[in-house]
């Protein structure tokens, strides 16, 4: 059975084999939320993941060439209907059974080599965010994100992390956010230092990629 993007995937895998390079492959990332068409359907997601993994093996790749990265969003936020930027969200937590969690998408150990996750501190860059330390974000008792990620027993990477460190009491406004950011850059420095301490105290995290938000 041919799937829509088989030709692109196969060409990519063939090039890896030809060049004999080493790749960490982040595909279908942040599946436990609302932005992308591969979200909000774990069974279809797992079938697609295994299909793409199989294409890599048909191109004679193995763990020496390619590591498959299961990359989750730190919050489970499925949609009430077809995923899109504007679809209404279900604010999921560990006690809810009416929404999907990132574990539901996991396509079994055989098909995953490394687990990555993303988290941001946007403060008031989004009106629903408050400033939180990395520990507060990842150990929120409603989600317990970090311990759940560790439970996969795979190498861990933070593949997107950043802060705007913008704080104020009024409703979100772009120009006010920009002025606040430019006038208080020390807040960003402070949060990055908090992130550094978080990483130092967790040697099981082997890398982190900072997005300059």
N, C-alpha and C. Protein backbone atom coordinates (compact mmCIF):
# COMPACT_ATOMS: atom_id res chain seq x y z
N UNK A 1 0.85 -1.18 0.00
CA UNK A 1 0.00 0.00 0.00
C UNK A 1 0.88 1.23 0.00
N UNK A 2 0.64 2.13 -0.93
CA UNK A 2 1.39 3.39 -1.00
C UNK A 2 0.65 4.47 -0.22
N UNK A 3 1.38 5.19 0.62
CA UNK A 3 0.82 6.30 1.37
C UNK A 3 1.31 7.61 0.77
N UNK A 4 0.64 8.69 1.13
CA UNK A 4 0.81 9.97 0.44
C UNK A 4 2.25 10.45 0.39
N UNK A 5 3.01 10.30 1.48
CA UNK A 5 4.36 10.86 1.54
C UNK A 5 5.45 9.79 1.45
N UNK A 6 5.10 8.61 0.98
CA UNK A 6 6.09 7.53 0.89
C UNK A 6 7.29 7.91 0.03
N UNK A 7 7.04 8.57 -1.10
CA UNK A 7 8.14 8.90 -2.01
C UNK A 7 9.14 9.85 -1.34
N UNK A 8 8.62 10.85 -0.59
CA UNK A 8 9.51 11.80 0.08
C UNK A 8 10.30 11.11 1.19
N UNK A 9 9.63 10.31 1.99
CA UNK A 9 10.33 9.59 3.06
C UNK A 9 11.40 8.67 2.47
N UNK A 10 11.02 7.91 1.44
CA UNK A 10 11.96 6.93 0.87
C UNK A 10 13.17 7.61 0.26
N UNK A 11 12.95 8.74 -0.41
CA UNK A 11 14.08 9.48 -0.99
C UNK A 11 15.02 9.99 0.10
N UNK A 12 14.44 10.45 1.20
CA UNK A 12 15.24 10.92 2.33
C UNK A 12 16.06 9.78 2.93
N UNK A 13 15.42 8.66 3.15
CA UNK A 13 16.13 7.51 3.73
C UNK A 13 17.23 7.00 2.79
N UNK A 14 16.94 7.00 1.50
CA UNK A 14 17.94 6.56 0.52
C UNK A 14 19.17 7.46 0.57
N UNK A 15 18.94 8.77 0.71
CA UNK A 15 20.06 9.72 0.77
C UNK A 15 20.91 9.48 2.03
N UNK A 16 20.27 9.19 3.16
CA UNK A 16 21.01 8.88 4.38
C UNK A 16 21.92 7.68 4.14
N UNK A 17 21.37 6.65 3.49
CA UNK A 17 22.15 5.44 3.22
C UNK A 17 23.31 5.72 2.27
N UNK A 18 23.04 6.49 1.23
CA UNK A 18 24.08 6.80 0.25
C UNK A 18 25.23 7.57 0.89
N UNK A 19 24.90 8.53 1.73
CA UNK A 19 25.92 9.38 2.35
C UNK A 19 26.53 8.75 3.60
N UNK A 20 25.90 7.67 4.08
CA UNK A 20 26.36 6.98 5.29
C UNK A 20 26.53 7.96 6.44
N UNK A 21 25.45 8.71 6.71
CA UNK A 21 25.46 9.70 7.78
C UNK A 21 24.61 9.22 8.94
N UNK A 22 24.68 9.95 10.05
CA UNK A 22 23.95 9.58 11.26
C UNK A 22 22.90 10.66 11.54
N UNK A 23 21.66 10.23 11.70
CA UNK A 23 20.54 11.16 11.78
C UNK A 23 19.68 10.83 12.99
N UNK A 24 19.29 11.85 13.74
CA UNK A 24 18.19 11.74 14.69
C UNK A 24 16.95 12.27 13.98
N UNK A 25 15.97 11.42 13.83
CA UNK A 25 14.83 11.69 12.95
C UNK A 25 13.61 12.07 13.78
N UNK A 26 13.26 13.35 13.74
CA UNK A 26 12.10 13.86 14.46
C UNK A 26 10.96 14.02 13.46
N UNK A 27 10.03 13.11 13.49
CA UNK A 27 8.90 13.17 12.58
C UNK A 27 7.60 13.09 13.36
N UNK A 28 6.55 13.72 12.84
CA UNK A 28 5.22 13.71 13.47
C UNK A 28 5.30 14.11 14.94
N UNK A 29 6.00 15.23 15.19
CA UNK A 29 6.28 15.66 16.56
C UNK A 29 5.05 16.26 17.24
N UNK A 30 5.11 16.34 18.55
CA UNK A 30 4.07 16.96 19.38
C UNK A 30 2.68 16.47 18.98
N UNK A 31 2.54 15.17 18.93
CA UNK A 31 1.29 14.56 18.46
C UNK A 31 0.16 14.65 19.47
N UNK A 32 0.45 15.03 20.71
CA UNK A 32 -0.56 15.02 21.77
C UNK A 32 -1.20 16.38 21.98
N UNK A 33 -1.50 17.07 20.89
CA UNK A 33 -2.07 18.40 21.00
C UNK A 33 -2.99 18.76 19.85
N UNK A 34 -2.90 19.99 19.34
CA UNK A 34 -3.95 20.46 18.45
C UNK A 34 -3.48 21.05 17.13
N UNK A 35 -2.21 21.32 16.91
CA UNK A 35 -1.81 22.10 15.75
C UNK A 35 -1.76 21.31 14.45
N UNK A 36 -1.45 20.04 14.51
CA UNK A 36 -1.05 19.31 13.31
C UNK A 36 -2.05 18.21 12.96
N UNK A 37 -2.11 17.82 11.68
CA UNK A 37 -3.11 16.84 11.26
C UNK A 37 -2.87 15.44 11.80
N UNK A 38 -1.69 15.16 12.35
CA UNK A 38 -1.43 13.82 12.89
C UNK A 38 -1.79 13.74 14.38
N UNK A 39 -2.42 14.75 14.92
CA UNK A 39 -2.81 14.75 16.32
C UNK A 39 -4.21 14.19 16.52
N UNK A 40 -4.49 13.82 17.76
CA UNK A 40 -5.83 13.48 18.23
C UNK A 40 -6.38 12.17 17.69
N UNK A 41 -5.50 11.30 17.15
CA UNK A 41 -5.94 9.97 16.74
C UNK A 41 -4.79 8.98 16.95
N UNK A 42 -4.65 8.45 18.17
CA UNK A 42 -3.49 7.60 18.48
C UNK A 42 -3.34 6.38 17.60
N UNK A 43 -4.42 5.71 17.25
CA UNK A 43 -4.29 4.48 16.47
C UNK A 43 -3.76 4.77 15.07
N UNK A 44 -4.28 5.81 14.43
CA UNK A 44 -3.78 6.17 13.11
C UNK A 44 -2.33 6.66 13.21
N UNK A 45 -2.03 7.37 14.29
CA UNK A 45 -0.67 7.86 14.47
C UNK A 45 0.31 6.69 14.56
N UNK A 46 0.00 5.71 15.39
CA UNK A 46 0.90 4.57 15.56
C UNK A 46 1.07 3.80 14.25
N UNK A 47 -0.01 3.64 13.50
CA UNK A 47 0.09 2.95 12.21
C UNK A 47 1.00 3.72 11.26
N UNK A 48 0.86 5.05 11.24
CA UNK A 48 1.70 5.88 10.37
C UNK A 48 3.16 5.81 10.80
N UNK A 49 3.40 5.88 12.09
CA UNK A 49 4.77 5.83 12.61
C UNK A 49 5.45 4.52 12.20
N UNK A 50 4.78 3.42 12.43
CA UNK A 50 5.36 2.11 12.11
C UNK A 50 5.57 1.97 10.60
N UNK A 51 4.66 2.53 9.82
CA UNK A 51 4.82 2.52 8.37
C UNK A 51 6.09 3.26 7.95
N UNK A 52 6.31 4.45 8.51
CA UNK A 52 7.50 5.23 8.17
C UNK A 52 8.77 4.50 8.65
N UNK A 53 8.72 3.95 9.85
CA UNK A 53 9.85 3.18 10.36
C UNK A 53 10.17 2.02 9.42
N UNK A 54 9.16 1.34 8.91
CA UNK A 54 9.35 0.22 7.99
C UNK A 54 10.00 0.69 6.69
N UNK A 55 9.61 1.87 6.22
CA UNK A 55 10.24 2.42 5.01
C UNK A 55 11.74 2.62 5.23
N UNK A 56 12.12 3.04 6.44
CA UNK A 56 13.55 3.23 6.72
C UNK A 56 14.30 1.89 6.65
N UNK A 57 13.67 0.83 7.11
CA UNK A 57 14.31 -0.49 7.06
C UNK A 57 14.36 -1.03 5.64
N UNK A 58 13.38 -0.71 4.82
CA UNK A 58 13.41 -1.11 3.42
C UNK A 58 14.53 -0.41 2.67
N UNK A 59 14.97 0.75 3.21
CA UNK A 59 16.12 1.46 2.64
C UNK A 59 17.43 0.99 3.28
N UNK A 60 17.38 -0.10 4.03
CA UNK A 60 18.55 -0.73 4.66
C UNK A 60 19.19 0.15 5.73
N UNK A 61 18.36 0.95 6.40
CA UNK A 61 18.86 1.72 7.53
C UNK A 61 18.63 0.94 8.82
N UNK A 62 19.47 1.23 9.82
CA UNK A 62 19.28 0.69 11.15
C UNK A 62 19.71 1.74 12.16
N UNK A 63 19.85 1.35 13.43
CA UNK A 63 20.17 2.31 14.49
C UNK A 63 21.54 2.97 14.30
N UNK A 64 22.39 2.39 13.48
CA UNK A 64 23.70 3.00 13.21
C UNK A 64 23.54 4.25 12.34
N UNK A 65 22.48 4.30 11.54
CA UNK A 65 22.25 5.45 10.66
C UNK A 65 21.18 6.40 11.16
N UNK A 66 20.12 5.84 11.76
CA UNK A 66 18.96 6.68 12.06
C UNK A 66 18.36 6.29 13.41
N UNK A 67 18.08 7.30 14.23
CA UNK A 67 17.39 7.11 15.50
C UNK A 67 16.03 7.77 15.41
N UNK A 68 14.99 7.02 15.67
CA UNK A 68 13.63 7.57 15.61
C UNK A 68 13.29 8.24 16.93
N UNK A 69 12.92 9.51 16.83
CA UNK A 69 12.68 10.39 17.97
C UNK A 69 11.17 10.56 18.18
N UNK A 70 10.68 10.06 19.30
CA UNK A 70 9.29 10.23 19.71
C UNK A 70 9.21 11.52 20.51
N UNK A 71 8.69 12.58 19.88
CA UNK A 71 8.77 13.93 20.44
C UNK A 71 7.38 14.40 20.88
N UNK A 72 7.21 14.61 22.18
CA UNK A 72 5.89 14.95 22.72
C UNK A 72 5.87 16.39 23.22
N UNK A 73 4.67 16.96 23.24
CA UNK A 73 4.44 18.24 23.89
C UNK A 73 4.29 17.98 25.39
N UNK A 74 4.76 18.89 26.23
CA UNK A 74 4.73 18.62 27.67
C UNK A 74 3.31 18.61 28.23
N UNK A 75 2.35 19.17 27.49
CA UNK A 75 0.95 19.14 27.92
C UNK A 75 0.13 18.34 26.91
N UNK A 76 -0.74 17.46 27.41
CA UNK A 76 -1.68 16.77 26.54
C UNK A 76 -2.85 17.71 26.26
N UNK A 77 -3.00 18.11 24.99
CA UNK A 77 -4.05 19.04 24.62
C UNK A 77 -4.73 18.59 23.33
N UNK A 78 -5.49 17.48 23.36
CA UNK A 78 -6.19 17.06 22.15
C UNK A 78 -7.33 18.00 21.81
N UNK A 79 -7.86 17.87 20.60
CA UNK A 79 -8.94 18.75 20.15
C UNK A 79 -10.28 18.03 20.20
N UNK A 80 -11.33 18.83 20.21
CA UNK A 80 -12.69 18.28 20.20
C UNK A 80 -13.12 17.88 18.79
N UNK A 81 -12.40 18.38 17.79
CA UNK A 81 -12.65 17.94 16.42
C UNK A 81 -11.36 17.99 15.63
N UNK A 82 -11.43 18.05 14.30
CA UNK A 82 -10.24 17.96 13.47
C UNK A 82 -9.17 18.94 13.94
N UNK A 83 -7.95 18.47 14.15
CA UNK A 83 -6.88 19.37 14.63
C UNK A 83 -6.65 20.55 13.70
N UNK A 84 -6.46 21.72 14.30
CA UNK A 84 -6.11 22.94 13.56
C UNK A 84 -5.63 23.95 14.57
N UNK A 85 -5.14 25.09 14.07
CA UNK A 85 -4.68 26.15 14.97
C UNK A 85 -5.82 26.73 15.80
N UNK A 86 -7.06 26.59 15.34
CA UNK A 86 -8.19 27.23 16.02
C UNK A 86 -9.17 26.24 16.63
N UNK A 87 -8.90 24.95 16.53
CA UNK A 87 -9.82 23.95 17.09
C UNK A 87 -9.89 24.07 18.61
N UNK A 88 -11.07 23.91 19.19
CA UNK A 88 -11.17 23.96 20.65
C UNK A 88 -10.43 22.80 21.31
N UNK A 89 -9.78 23.11 22.43
CA UNK A 89 -8.93 22.14 23.10
C UNK A 89 -9.65 21.45 24.25
N UNK A 90 -9.18 20.24 24.55
CA UNK A 90 -9.51 19.59 25.80
C UNK A 90 -8.29 19.73 26.69
N UNK A 91 -8.42 20.45 27.79
CA UNK A 91 -7.29 20.63 28.71
C UNK A 91 -7.16 19.35 29.54
N UNK A 92 -6.33 18.47 29.07
CA UNK A 92 -6.23 17.13 29.62
C UNK A 92 -5.35 17.12 30.87
N UNK A 93 -5.62 16.22 31.80
CA UNK A 93 -4.72 15.96 32.91
C UNK A 93 -4.75 14.47 33.22
N UNK A 94 -3.93 14.06 34.16
CA UNK A 94 -3.76 12.63 34.40
C UNK A 94 -5.00 11.95 34.95
N UNK A 95 -5.89 12.69 35.57
CA UNK A 95 -7.08 12.08 36.15
C UNK A 95 -8.22 11.93 35.15
N UNK A 96 -8.10 12.54 33.98
CA UNK A 96 -9.18 12.47 32.99
C UNK A 96 -9.03 11.23 32.12
N UNK A 97 -10.14 10.59 31.87
CA UNK A 97 -10.14 9.40 31.00
C UNK A 97 -10.83 9.67 29.68
N UNK A 98 -11.28 10.91 29.47
CA UNK A 98 -12.00 11.26 28.23
C UNK A 98 -11.10 11.97 27.24
N UNK A 99 -9.79 11.90 27.41
CA UNK A 99 -8.87 12.54 26.47
C UNK A 99 -7.61 11.69 26.35
N UNK A 100 -6.90 11.90 25.25
CA UNK A 100 -5.70 11.12 24.99
C UNK A 100 -4.49 11.72 25.70
N UNK A 101 -3.57 10.85 26.12
CA UNK A 101 -2.31 11.26 26.70
C UNK A 101 -1.18 10.81 25.77
N UNK A 102 0.02 11.39 25.93
CA UNK A 102 1.07 11.06 24.97
C UNK A 102 1.44 9.58 25.00
N UNK A 103 1.21 8.91 26.12
CA UNK A 103 1.46 7.47 26.16
C UNK A 103 0.59 6.70 25.18
N UNK A 104 -0.60 7.23 24.89
CA UNK A 104 -1.51 6.54 23.97
C UNK A 104 -0.95 6.47 22.55
N UNK A 105 -0.04 7.38 22.23
CA UNK A 105 0.53 7.44 20.88
C UNK A 105 1.80 6.60 20.73
N UNK A 106 2.32 6.11 21.83
CA UNK A 106 3.62 5.45 21.80
C UNK A 106 3.55 4.15 21.00
N UNK A 107 4.38 4.01 19.95
CA UNK A 107 4.26 2.87 19.05
C UNK A 107 5.13 1.66 19.43
N UNK A 108 5.39 1.48 20.71
CA UNK A 108 6.16 0.36 21.25
C UNK A 108 7.67 0.57 21.11
N UNK A 109 8.40 -0.02 22.03
CA UNK A 109 9.83 0.21 22.16
C UNK A 109 10.61 -0.09 20.89
N UNK A 110 10.20 -1.11 20.17
CA UNK A 110 10.94 -1.53 18.97
C UNK A 110 11.08 -0.39 17.96
N UNK A 111 10.11 0.51 17.92
CA UNK A 111 10.05 1.53 16.88
C UNK A 111 10.50 2.92 17.36
N UNK A 112 10.96 3.02 18.60
CA UNK A 112 11.39 4.30 19.17
C UNK A 112 12.78 4.13 19.76
N UNK A 113 13.67 5.04 19.41
CA UNK A 113 15.04 4.98 19.92
C UNK A 113 15.33 6.00 21.00
N UNK A 114 14.64 7.14 20.94
CA UNK A 114 14.95 8.25 21.83
C UNK A 114 13.67 9.05 22.05
N UNK A 115 13.48 9.60 23.25
CA UNK A 115 12.27 10.36 23.57
C UNK A 115 12.65 11.81 23.83
N UNK A 116 12.00 12.69 23.11
CA UNK A 116 12.23 14.13 23.25
C UNK A 116 10.93 14.79 23.71
N UNK A 117 11.05 15.97 24.30
CA UNK A 117 9.84 16.70 24.66
C UNK A 117 10.09 18.20 24.58
N UNK A 118 8.99 18.93 24.45
CA UNK A 118 9.07 20.38 24.29
C UNK A 118 8.35 21.07 25.46
N UNK A 119 8.91 22.21 25.89
CA UNK A 119 8.16 23.04 26.82
C UNK A 119 8.67 24.47 26.76
N UNK A 120 7.76 25.38 27.01
CA UNK A 120 8.05 26.81 26.94
C UNK A 120 7.52 27.52 28.18
N UNK A 121 8.18 28.63 28.50
CA UNK A 121 7.65 29.58 29.47
C UNK A 121 7.38 30.86 28.70
N UNK A 122 6.14 31.04 28.30
CA UNK A 122 5.81 32.24 27.51
C UNK A 122 5.26 33.37 28.38
N UNK A 123 5.10 33.10 29.65
CA UNK A 123 4.57 34.10 30.55
C UNK A 123 3.30 34.69 29.97
N UNK A 124 3.23 36.00 29.73
CA UNK A 124 2.01 36.56 29.16
C UNK A 124 2.10 36.72 27.64
N UNK A 125 3.03 36.03 26.99
CA UNK A 125 3.00 36.04 25.53
C UNK A 125 1.73 35.38 25.05
N UNK A 126 1.24 34.41 25.81
CA UNK A 126 -0.10 33.87 25.61
C UNK A 126 -0.88 34.15 26.88
N UNK A 127 -2.12 34.53 26.73
CA UNK A 127 -2.87 35.02 27.89
C UNK A 127 -3.14 33.91 28.90
N UNK A 128 -2.98 32.64 28.52
CA UNK A 128 -3.26 31.55 29.46
C UNK A 128 -2.01 31.02 30.13
N UNK A 129 -0.90 31.70 29.97
CA UNK A 129 0.34 31.22 30.56
C UNK A 129 0.79 32.15 31.69
N UNK A 130 1.27 31.57 32.75
CA UNK A 130 1.91 32.32 33.82
C UNK A 130 3.37 31.93 33.87
N UNK A 131 4.18 32.77 34.45
CA UNK A 131 5.59 32.44 34.56
C UNK A 131 5.77 31.30 35.54
N UNK A 132 6.43 30.23 35.09
CA UNK A 132 6.69 29.07 35.93
C UNK A 132 8.13 28.64 35.74
N UNK A 133 8.73 28.09 36.79
CA UNK A 133 10.07 27.53 36.66
C UNK A 133 9.98 26.22 35.89
N UNK A 134 11.10 25.71 35.36
CA UNK A 134 11.06 24.40 34.69
C UNK A 134 10.50 23.30 35.60
N UNK A 135 10.87 23.31 36.88
CA UNK A 135 10.34 22.30 37.80
C UNK A 135 8.83 22.39 37.93
N UNK A 136 8.30 23.62 38.03
CA UNK A 136 6.85 23.79 38.16
C UNK A 136 6.13 23.31 36.91
N UNK A 137 6.72 23.55 35.74
CA UNK A 137 6.09 23.13 34.49
C UNK A 137 6.07 21.61 34.37
N UNK A 138 7.21 21.00 34.64
CA UNK A 138 7.36 19.57 34.34
C UNK A 138 6.93 18.65 35.49
N UNK A 139 6.76 19.21 36.69
CA UNK A 139 6.28 18.41 37.81
C UNK A 139 4.90 18.85 38.27
N UNK A 140 4.18 19.55 37.43
CA UNK A 140 2.80 19.91 37.74
C UNK A 140 2.04 18.64 38.12
N UNK A 141 1.43 18.58 39.30
CA UNK A 141 0.78 17.34 39.74
C UNK A 141 -0.37 16.89 38.85
N UNK A 142 -0.95 17.81 38.08
CA UNK A 142 -2.01 17.41 37.16
C UNK A 142 -1.49 16.68 35.94
N UNK A 143 -0.18 16.84 35.67
CA UNK A 143 0.38 16.22 34.45
C UNK A 143 1.56 15.30 34.75
N UNK A 144 2.42 15.70 35.69
CA UNK A 144 3.58 14.88 36.07
C UNK A 144 4.39 14.49 34.83
N UNK A 145 4.61 15.46 33.97
CA UNK A 145 5.18 15.20 32.65
C UNK A 145 6.53 14.50 32.72
N UNK A 146 7.42 15.00 33.54
CA UNK A 146 8.79 14.49 33.48
C UNK A 146 8.89 13.03 33.93
N UNK A 147 8.21 12.69 35.00
CA UNK A 147 8.27 11.30 35.46
C UNK A 147 7.65 10.36 34.43
N UNK A 148 6.64 10.81 33.74
CA UNK A 148 6.02 9.99 32.69
C UNK A 148 6.98 9.78 31.52
N UNK A 149 7.73 10.81 31.18
CA UNK A 149 8.72 10.68 30.11
C UNK A 149 9.83 9.71 30.52
N UNK A 150 10.29 9.83 31.75
CA UNK A 150 11.32 8.92 32.24
C UNK A 150 10.86 7.46 32.21
N UNK A 151 9.57 7.24 32.35
CA UNK A 151 9.05 5.88 32.40
C UNK A 151 9.22 5.13 31.09
N UNK A 152 9.45 5.84 29.98
CA UNK A 152 9.72 5.16 28.72
C UNK A 152 11.08 4.44 28.74
N UNK A 153 11.94 4.87 29.64
CA UNK A 153 13.27 4.26 29.78
C UNK A 153 14.08 4.36 28.48
N UNK A 154 14.03 5.53 27.88
CA UNK A 154 14.78 5.83 26.67
C UNK A 154 15.66 7.05 26.93
N UNK A 155 16.72 7.25 26.13
CA UNK A 155 17.47 8.52 26.25
C UNK A 155 16.54 9.71 26.07
N UNK A 156 16.77 10.78 26.84
CA UNK A 156 15.87 11.93 26.88
C UNK A 156 16.58 13.17 26.35
N UNK A 157 15.86 13.92 25.51
CA UNK A 157 16.34 15.21 25.01
C UNK A 157 15.20 16.21 25.10
N UNK A 158 15.50 17.45 25.47
CA UNK A 158 14.53 18.54 25.34
C UNK A 158 14.77 19.17 23.97
N UNK A 159 13.83 18.97 23.06
CA UNK A 159 14.09 19.40 21.69
C UNK A 159 13.56 20.79 21.38
N UNK A 160 12.73 21.35 22.23
CA UNK A 160 12.35 22.76 22.12
C UNK A 160 12.13 23.27 23.54
N UNK A 161 12.84 24.32 23.88
CA UNK A 161 12.59 24.97 25.16
C UNK A 161 12.96 26.45 25.01
N UNK A 162 12.18 27.32 25.67
CA UNK A 162 12.46 28.75 25.55
C UNK A 162 11.61 29.52 26.55
N UNK A 163 11.94 30.79 26.68
CA UNK A 163 11.15 31.70 27.50
C UNK A 163 11.10 33.07 26.84
N UNK A 164 9.95 33.72 26.96
CA UNK A 164 9.88 35.15 26.62
C UNK A 164 10.06 35.99 27.87
N UNK A 165 9.68 35.42 29.02
CA UNK A 165 9.79 36.12 30.31
C UNK A 165 9.17 37.51 30.25
N UNK A 166 7.95 37.56 29.78
CA UNK A 166 7.18 38.80 29.76
C UNK A 166 6.09 38.69 30.81
N UNK A 167 6.04 39.67 31.71
CA UNK A 167 5.07 39.59 32.80
C UNK A 167 4.34 40.93 32.98
N UNK A 168 3.02 40.84 33.07
CA UNK A 168 2.20 42.00 33.38
C UNK A 168 0.80 41.52 33.72
N UNK A 169 -0.03 42.40 34.24
CA UNK A 169 -1.34 41.99 34.74
C UNK A 169 -2.46 42.20 33.72
N UNK A 170 -2.24 43.05 32.71
CA UNK A 170 -3.32 43.32 31.76
C UNK A 170 -3.47 42.19 30.75
N UNK A 171 -4.53 42.25 29.96
CA UNK A 171 -4.76 41.24 28.93
C UNK A 171 -3.68 41.31 27.87
N UNK A 172 -3.52 40.21 27.16
CA UNK A 172 -2.45 40.12 26.17
C UNK A 172 -2.56 41.21 25.10
N UNK A 173 -1.43 41.83 24.82
CA UNK A 173 -1.34 42.83 23.75
C UNK A 173 0.08 42.77 23.20
N UNK A 174 0.21 42.64 21.87
CA UNK A 174 1.52 42.41 21.28
C UNK A 174 2.49 43.55 21.58
N UNK A 175 2.08 44.79 21.36
CA UNK A 175 2.99 45.92 21.55
C UNK A 175 3.41 46.05 23.02
N UNK A 176 2.46 45.84 23.93
CA UNK A 176 2.81 45.90 25.35
C UNK A 176 3.77 44.76 25.70
N UNK A 177 3.53 43.60 25.12
CA UNK A 177 4.43 42.47 25.37
C UNK A 177 5.84 42.79 24.89
N UNK A 178 5.92 43.38 23.71
CA UNK A 178 7.22 43.71 23.14
C UNK A 178 7.96 44.72 24.01
N UNK A 179 7.27 45.75 24.46
CA UNK A 179 7.91 46.75 25.33
C UNK A 179 8.36 46.12 26.64
N UNK A 180 7.52 45.28 27.19
CA UNK A 180 7.87 44.63 28.45
C UNK A 180 9.11 43.76 28.28
N UNK A 181 9.16 43.06 27.17
CA UNK A 181 10.32 42.20 26.90
C UNK A 181 11.60 43.03 26.75
N UNK A 182 11.54 44.10 25.98
CA UNK A 182 12.72 44.92 25.73
C UNK A 182 13.19 45.65 26.98
N UNK A 183 12.27 45.96 27.87
CA UNK A 183 12.62 46.73 29.07
C UNK A 183 13.05 45.85 30.25
N UNK A 184 12.83 44.53 30.13
CA UNK A 184 13.13 43.65 31.27
C UNK A 184 13.80 42.38 30.80
N UNK A 185 14.90 42.53 30.07
CA UNK A 185 15.57 41.35 29.55
C UNK A 185 16.22 40.51 30.65
N UNK A 186 16.40 41.08 31.85
CA UNK A 186 17.01 40.32 32.94
C UNK A 186 16.12 39.14 33.35
N UNK A 187 14.81 39.25 33.11
CA UNK A 187 13.93 38.14 33.45
C UNK A 187 14.23 36.91 32.60
N UNK A 188 14.54 37.17 31.35
CA UNK A 188 14.88 36.05 30.47
C UNK A 188 16.17 35.38 30.94
N UNK A 189 17.16 36.20 31.29
CA UNK A 189 18.41 35.65 31.81
C UNK A 189 18.14 34.78 33.05
N UNK A 190 17.27 35.28 33.92
CA UNK A 190 16.98 34.56 35.16
C UNK A 190 16.37 33.19 34.86
N UNK A 191 15.42 33.15 33.94
CA UNK A 191 14.77 31.88 33.62
C UNK A 191 15.74 30.91 32.95
N UNK A 192 16.62 31.41 32.10
CA UNK A 192 17.61 30.54 31.46
C UNK A 192 18.55 29.94 32.51
N UNK A 193 18.89 30.71 33.53
CA UNK A 193 19.70 30.17 34.63
C UNK A 193 18.92 29.08 35.37
N UNK A 194 17.62 29.28 35.55
CA UNK A 194 16.80 28.24 36.17
C UNK A 194 16.81 26.97 35.32
N UNK A 195 16.71 27.13 34.01
CA UNK A 195 16.76 25.99 33.11
C UNK A 195 18.10 25.26 33.22
N UNK A 196 19.18 26.04 33.29
CA UNK A 196 20.51 25.45 33.42
C UNK A 196 20.61 24.60 34.68
N UNK A 197 20.11 25.11 35.80
CA UNK A 197 20.14 24.33 37.04
C UNK A 197 19.30 23.07 36.92
N UNK A 198 18.17 23.18 36.26
CA UNK A 198 17.32 22.01 36.05
C UNK A 198 18.08 20.93 35.29
N UNK A 199 18.79 21.31 34.25
CA UNK A 199 19.53 20.35 33.44
C UNK A 199 20.71 19.75 34.20
N UNK A 200 21.42 20.58 34.94
CA UNK A 200 22.57 20.09 35.71
C UNK A 200 22.13 19.01 36.69
N UNK A 201 20.96 19.16 37.26
CA UNK A 201 20.49 18.22 38.27
C UNK A 201 19.80 17.00 37.68
N UNK A 202 19.75 16.90 36.35
CA UNK A 202 19.12 15.76 35.70
C UNK A 202 20.04 15.24 34.59
N UNK A 203 21.08 14.52 34.96
CA UNK A 203 22.06 14.06 33.97
C UNK A 203 21.49 13.08 32.96
N UNK A 204 20.29 12.55 33.23
CA UNK A 204 19.68 11.65 32.25
C UNK A 204 19.21 12.40 31.00
N UNK A 205 19.09 13.73 31.09
CA UNK A 205 18.79 14.55 29.90
C UNK A 205 20.11 14.78 29.17
N UNK A 206 20.23 14.22 27.97
CA UNK A 206 21.54 14.23 27.30
C UNK A 206 21.75 15.46 26.43
N UNK A 207 20.69 16.22 26.14
CA UNK A 207 20.84 17.43 25.33
C UNK A 207 19.59 18.28 25.46
N UNK A 208 19.73 19.58 25.14
CA UNK A 208 18.58 20.48 25.09
C UNK A 208 18.79 21.47 23.95
N UNK A 209 17.73 21.78 23.24
CA UNK A 209 17.78 22.71 22.10
C UNK A 209 16.97 23.94 22.47
N UNK A 210 17.64 25.08 22.56
CA UNK A 210 16.96 26.32 22.96
C UNK A 210 16.45 27.06 21.73
N UNK A 211 15.16 27.36 21.73
CA UNK A 211 14.56 28.19 20.67
C UNK A 211 14.50 29.63 21.18
N UNK A 212 15.09 30.53 20.44
CA UNK A 212 15.19 31.92 20.91
C UNK A 212 13.86 32.65 20.70
N UNK A 213 12.94 32.44 21.63
CA UNK A 213 11.60 33.02 21.53
C UNK A 213 11.64 34.50 21.89
